[in-house]
């Protein structure tokens, strides 16, 4: 039995183990978990390759390895995830931010160029606050609002705003209800649940078994929640304002029908060339 475990030993063993269990990026995941267990970054691992790892750190790492091979997403184990080059806390009350959603943020930032002075943006169903916090961080002229029906999700969004040094106006409630009597917005963003029953049941266990169903599943064809949002958004948008919604890769045709009362609408594709965002403009 090996008595002294160095960083090198743990990485090599875990990489082999993760490979045997079928993980896609065994070395990377081993490094990320060990760095987190040690409270360091990945560079530290390679500059201290032969450093022994103490028993308490090994016990934490061992437990995290067990959780990972059972299918729990890495971000829930380490409790944070990078998005738009910012660091976000995540837990089981919120979805893990995806790179695809960065397209929504980038589209909103581009749309913001159409307005002078302070602009008001509302992110609906904000979850971890990844969209709202990113917009507040990169758009200094924006006052950013965010809603969520889940108080636990809003607690995470609030912490992420503090973590990244920005201010959000948070409102708990369904869709835009928290701000319906208070504000009008230049841009409304939403990454709401759009996965229908059949698609939900087909999701990988790492998603379906761990991420909140409330934030994933939508009834009907997956667009029913957006059908409720669109008239609310139309009412609360300033003239020439934008509604930006993230959709599934196969929903663009139906989603365009949902925003048919807007003056114009276009499909924005993600980096893989898949339909990802609907950008709808309200005009007088």
Protein backbone atom coordinates (compact mmCIF):
# COMPACT_ATOMS: atom_id res chain seq x y z
CA UNK A 1 0.00 0.00 0.00
CA UNK A 2 1.41 3.35 -1.03
CA UNK A 3 1.97 5.60 2.02
CA UNK A 4 3.10 8.78 0.30
CA UNK A 5 0.89 10.13 -2.45
CA UNK A 6 2.33 12.95 -4.49
CA UNK A 7 0.41 15.22 -6.83
CA UNK A 8 1.90 13.27 -9.74
CA UNK A 9 0.69 9.95 -8.32
CA UNK A 10 -2.86 11.14 -7.73
CA UNK A 11 -3.18 12.66 -11.19
CA UNK A 12 -1.85 9.55 -12.91
CA UNK A 13 -4.08 7.19 -10.91
CA UNK A 14 -7.21 9.30 -11.34
CA UNK A 15 -6.63 9.76 -15.07
CA UNK A 16 -6.50 5.99 -15.54
CA UNK A 17 -9.56 5.48 -13.35
CA UNK A 18 -11.62 8.13 -15.15
CA UNK A 19 -10.57 6.65 -18.49
CA UNK A 20 -11.80 3.23 -17.40
CA UNK A 21 -15.11 4.80 -16.38
CA UNK A 22 -15.55 6.43 -19.77
CA UNK A 23 -15.14 10.10 -18.91
CA UNK A 24 -14.41 12.21 -22.00
CA UNK A 25 -11.55 14.29 -20.57
CA UNK A 26 -10.05 12.20 -17.79
CA UNK A 27 -6.79 14.11 -17.33
CA UNK A 28 -8.41 17.53 -17.36
CA UNK A 29 -11.08 16.48 -14.88
CA UNK A 30 -8.49 14.90 -12.60
CA UNK A 31 -6.52 18.16 -12.64
CA UNK A 32 -9.55 20.35 -11.99
CA UNK A 33 -10.73 18.24 -9.06
CA UNK A 34 -7.31 17.98 -7.45
CA UNK A 35 -6.56 21.67 -7.86
CA UNK A 36 -9.88 22.48 -6.20
CA UNK A 37 -9.26 20.01 -3.36
CA UNK A 38 -5.90 21.68 -2.73
CA UNK A 39 -7.33 25.19 -3.03
CA UNK A 40 -4.91 25.95 -5.87
CA UNK A 41 -4.96 26.39 -9.63
CA UNK A 42 -3.83 23.89 -12.27
CA UNK A 43 -0.48 25.65 -12.75
CA UNK A 44 0.31 24.87 -9.12
CA UNK A 45 -0.06 21.14 -9.82
CA UNK A 46 2.72 21.19 -12.40
CA UNK A 47 5.05 23.46 -10.49
CA UNK A 48 4.70 21.22 -7.43
CA UNK A 49 4.44 17.87 -9.18
CA UNK A 50 6.33 15.93 -6.52
CA UNK A 51 4.71 17.57 -3.50
CA UNK A 52 3.02 15.11 -1.11
CA UNK A 53 -0.74 15.50 -0.58
CA UNK A 54 -1.90 15.23 3.01
CA UNK A 55 -4.56 12.82 4.21
CA UNK A 56 -7.35 15.35 4.65
CA UNK A 57 -6.88 16.64 1.12
CA UNK A 58 -6.81 13.09 -0.22
CA UNK A 59 -10.07 12.25 1.57
CA UNK A 60 -11.81 15.25 -0.01
CA UNK A 61 -10.41 14.32 -3.41
CA UNK A 62 -11.44 10.68 -3.00
CA UNK A 63 -15.03 11.64 -2.19
CA UNK A 64 -15.18 13.97 -5.18
CA UNK A 65 -13.89 11.20 -7.46
CA UNK A 66 -16.74 8.96 -6.27
CA UNK A 67 -19.30 11.66 -6.95
CA UNK A 68 -17.89 12.30 -10.43
CA UNK A 69 -17.97 8.67 -11.55
CA UNK A 70 -21.58 8.43 -10.35
CA UNK A 71 -22.35 11.09 -12.94
CA UNK A 72 -22.51 14.28 -10.89
CA UNK A 73 -21.35 17.25 -13.01
CA UNK A 74 -17.92 18.61 -12.18
CA UNK A 75 -19.32 22.13 -11.63
CA UNK A 76 -21.62 20.93 -8.84
CA UNK A 77 -18.72 19.20 -7.12
CA UNK A 78 -16.40 22.20 -7.26
CA UNK A 79 -19.36 24.61 -6.87
CA UNK A 80 -18.26 27.03 -9.55
CA UNK A 81 -18.15 27.44 -13.32
CA UNK A 82 -16.54 29.89 -15.72
CA UNK A 83 -18.82 31.83 -18.07
CA UNK A 84 -17.89 34.85 -20.19
CA UNK A 85 -14.44 34.70 -18.52
CA UNK A 86 -16.07 35.30 -15.12
CA UNK A 87 -16.32 32.92 -12.19
CA UNK A 88 -19.79 31.86 -11.03
CA UNK A 89 -20.96 29.91 -8.03
CA UNK A 90 -23.33 27.08 -8.95
CA UNK A 91 -25.28 24.58 -6.89
CA UNK A 92 -28.20 22.21 -7.39
CA UNK A 93 -30.70 25.08 -7.33
CA UNK A 94 -29.44 26.47 -10.67
CA UNK A 95 -28.43 25.27 -14.09
CA UNK A 96 -24.76 25.08 -14.92
CA UNK A 97 -23.99 27.92 -17.39
CA UNK A 98 -23.23 26.63 -20.89
CA UNK A 99 -20.88 28.10 -23.49
CA UNK A 100 -23.78 28.22 -25.98
CA UNK A 101 -25.50 30.81 -23.80
CA UNK A 102 -22.58 33.18 -24.29
CA UNK A 103 -24.12 33.79 -27.75
CA UNK A 104 -27.14 35.32 -26.02
CA UNK A 105 -24.94 37.61 -23.94
CA UNK A 106 -22.87 38.68 -26.94
CA UNK A 107 -26.04 39.39 -28.93
CA UNK A 108 -27.38 41.56 -26.09
CA UNK A 109 -24.10 43.45 -25.87
CA UNK A 110 -24.27 44.15 -29.60
CA UNK A 111 -27.90 45.26 -29.33
CA UNK A 112 -26.97 47.64 -26.52
CA UNK A 113 -24.94 49.67 -29.01
CA UNK A 114 -28.24 50.93 -30.47
CA UNK A 115 -28.98 52.97 -27.36
CA UNK A 116 -27.37 56.06 -25.88
CA UNK A 117 -27.03 56.80 -22.19
CA UNK A 118 -28.11 54.39 -19.47
CA UNK A 119 -29.96 51.35 -20.73
CA UNK A 120 -32.22 49.06 -18.75
CA UNK A 121 -31.91 45.32 -19.26
CA UNK A 122 -33.95 42.56 -17.64
CA UNK A 123 -32.92 38.91 -17.58
CA UNK A 124 -35.90 36.63 -17.02
CA UNK A 125 -35.41 33.34 -15.19
CA UNK A 126 -31.89 34.33 -14.27
CA UNK A 127 -30.86 31.22 -12.31
CA UNK A 128 -27.22 31.63 -11.32
CA UNK A 129 -27.28 35.15 -12.75
CA UNK A 130 -24.73 34.25 -15.41
CA UNK A 131 -26.42 36.32 -18.13
CA UNK A 132 -27.37 39.26 -15.92
CA UNK A 133 -24.03 39.48 -14.12
CA UNK A 134 -22.08 39.23 -17.39
CA UNK A 135 -24.12 42.05 -18.92
CA UNK A 136 -23.69 44.23 -15.84
CA UNK A 137 -19.96 43.52 -15.83
CA UNK A 138 -19.29 44.29 -19.50
CA UNK A 139 -21.91 47.00 -20.11
CA UNK A 140 -21.03 49.79 -17.73
CA UNK A 141 -23.93 51.94 -19.00
CA UNK A 142 -26.52 49.28 -18.18
CA UNK A 143 -28.80 48.97 -15.19
CA UNK A 144 -29.54 45.27 -15.03
CA UNK A 145 -32.62 43.66 -13.52
CA UNK A 146 -33.17 39.92 -13.04
CA UNK A 147 -36.11 37.74 -12.10
CA UNK A 148 -36.56 34.16 -11.02
CA UNK A 149 -39.42 32.19 -9.53
CA UNK A 150 -36.99 30.39 -7.21
CA UNK A 151 -35.77 32.25 -4.11
CA UNK A 152 -32.86 29.82 -3.83
CA UNK A 153 -31.76 30.67 -7.37
CA UNK A 154 -31.94 34.39 -6.57
CA UNK A 155 -29.68 33.81 -3.57
CA UNK A 156 -27.10 32.31 -5.94
CA UNK A 157 -27.51 35.20 -8.40
CA UNK A 158 -27.07 37.71 -5.58
CA UNK A 159 -23.84 36.02 -4.46
CA UNK A 160 -22.54 35.94 -8.03
CA UNK A 161 -23.21 39.66 -8.44
CA UNK A 162 -21.19 40.33 -5.30
CA UNK A 163 -18.47 37.92 -6.40
CA UNK A 164 -18.03 39.80 -9.67
CA UNK A 165 -18.43 43.29 -8.28
CA UNK A 166 -21.68 44.32 -9.98
CA UNK A 167 -25.15 45.38 -8.87
CA UNK A 168 -28.40 43.71 -9.94
CA UNK A 169 -31.98 44.63 -9.16
CA UNK A 170 -33.49 41.27 -8.26
CA UNK A 171 -37.16 40.35 -8.24
CA UNK A 172 -38.78 37.08 -7.23
CA UNK A 173 -41.76 35.96 -9.23
CA UNK A 174 -43.04 34.47 -12.45
CA UNK A 175 -41.43 35.83 -15.63
CA UNK A 176 -41.65 39.66 -15.70
CA UNK A 177 -44.27 39.97 -12.96
CA UNK A 178 -41.86 41.46 -10.36
CA UNK A 179 -41.27 44.55 -12.50
CA UNK A 180 -44.50 44.89 -14.47
CA UNK A 181 -45.57 48.09 -12.70
CA UNK A 182 -42.14 49.62 -12.24
CA UNK A 183 -39.99 49.72 -15.35
CA UNK A 184 -39.68 49.64 -19.10
CA UNK A 185 -36.66 47.97 -20.64
CA UNK A 186 -34.49 48.47 -23.69
CA UNK A 187 -33.48 44.79 -23.77
CA UNK A 188 -35.09 41.70 -22.26
CA UNK A 189 -33.13 38.44 -22.26
CA UNK A 190 -34.34 34.97 -21.36
CA UNK A 191 -32.90 31.48 -21.30
CA UNK A 192 -36.03 29.75 -20.07
CA UNK A 193 -36.81 26.02 -20.02
CA UNK A 194 -37.37 24.81 -23.58
CA UNK A 195 -36.90 21.03 -23.38
CA UNK A 196 -40.08 19.04 -23.95
CA UNK A 197 -41.04 15.77 -22.24
CA UNK A 198 -39.49 13.41 -24.80
CA UNK A 199 -36.24 15.39 -24.96
CA UNK A 200 -36.09 15.60 -21.17
CA UNK A 201 -36.36 11.83 -20.77
CA UNK A 202 -33.58 11.39 -23.33
CA UNK A 203 -31.15 13.70 -21.54
CA UNK A 204 -27.91 12.28 -20.21
CA UNK A 205 -28.11 11.25 -16.55
CA UNK A 206 -25.46 13.85 -15.71
CA UNK A 207 -28.06 16.48 -16.64
CA UNK A 208 -31.41 14.85 -15.87
CA UNK A 209 -30.19 13.32 -12.62
CA UNK A 210 -28.64 16.47 -11.14
CA UNK A 211 -29.75 19.75 -12.70
CA UNK A 212 -33.09 21.25 -11.58
CA UNK A 213 -36.04 20.01 -13.62
CA UNK A 214 -37.78 23.36 -13.12
CA UNK A 215 -35.02 25.04 -15.10
CA UNK A 216 -35.00 22.50 -17.94
CA UNK A 217 -38.46 21.14 -18.68
CA UNK A 218 -41.16 23.03 -20.56
CA UNK A 219 -44.62 21.61 -21.35
CA UNK A 220 -45.99 21.04 -24.82
CA UNK A 221 -43.50 21.54 -27.63
CA UNK A 222 -41.03 23.25 -25.30
CA UNK A 223 -42.05 26.81 -26.17
CA UNK A 224 -45.10 27.22 -23.92
CA UNK A 225 -43.22 29.30 -21.34
CA UNK A 226 -41.97 31.60 -24.07
CA UNK A 227 -45.54 31.96 -25.32
CA UNK A 228 -46.41 33.36 -21.89
CA UNK A 229 -43.33 35.58 -21.78
CA UNK A 230 -43.66 37.22 -25.20
CA UNK A 231 -46.78 39.35 -24.56
CA UNK A 232 -45.38 40.46 -21.19
CA UNK A 233 -42.08 41.38 -22.81
CA UNK A 234 -43.82 43.28 -25.60
CA UNK A 235 -45.64 45.41 -23.03
CA UNK A 236 -42.54 46.17 -20.98
CA UNK A 237 -40.15 46.90 -23.85
CA UNK A 238 -39.38 50.44 -24.94
CA UNK A 239 -40.02 51.20 -28.59
CA UNK A 240 -37.09 49.90 -30.64
CA UNK A 241 -36.26 47.55 -27.78
CA UNK A 242 -35.16 43.93 -28.17
CA UNK A 243 -36.33 40.60 -26.84
CA UNK A 244 -33.60 37.96 -26.97
CA UNK A 245 -34.44 34.34 -26.17
CA UNK A 246 -32.36 31.19 -26.24
CA UNK A 247 -33.99 28.23 -28.00
CA UNK A 248 -33.29 24.62 -28.88
CA UNK A 249 -31.52 23.83 -32.14
CA UNK A 250 -34.76 22.59 -33.75
CA UNK A 251 -37.18 25.26 -32.51
CA UNK A 252 -36.41 28.30 -34.65
CA UNK A 253 -39.34 27.98 -37.05
CA UNK A 254 -41.91 27.73 -34.25
CA UNK A 255 -40.14 30.35 -32.14
CA UNK A 256 -40.39 32.89 -34.96
CA UNK A 257 -44.17 32.36 -34.90
CA UNK A 258 -44.17 33.05 -31.17
CA UNK A 259 -42.65 36.53 -31.74
CA UNK A 260 -44.77 37.30 -34.84
CA UNK A 261 -46.15 40.53 -33.32
CA UNK A 262 -42.70 42.07 -33.21
CA UNK A 263 -41.67 44.30 -36.11
CA UNK A 264 -38.77 42.05 -37.04
CA UNK A 265 -37.03 38.91 -35.85
CA UNK A 266 -33.89 37.05 -36.80
CA UNK A 267 -32.17 33.80 -35.87
CA UNK A 268 -28.68 33.95 -34.36
CA UNK A 269 -26.60 30.80 -34.70
CA UNK A 270 -24.07 29.46 -32.20
CA UNK A 271 -20.45 28.60 -32.97
CA UNK A 272 -21.48 25.15 -34.19
CA UNK A 273 -23.85 26.68 -36.73
CA UNK A 274 -27.01 25.67 -34.85
CA UNK A 275 -30.00 27.97 -34.33
CA UNK A 276 -29.56 29.32 -30.80
CA UNK A 277 -31.09 32.79 -30.23
CA UNK A 278 -34.13 34.65 -31.51
CA UNK A 279 -33.61 38.42 -31.66
CA UNK A 280 -36.94 40.24 -31.96
CA UNK A 281 -37.31 44.03 -32.25
CA UNK A 282 -40.28 46.12 -31.15
CA UNK A 283 -40.99 49.22 -33.20
CA UNK A 284 -43.66 51.93 -33.05
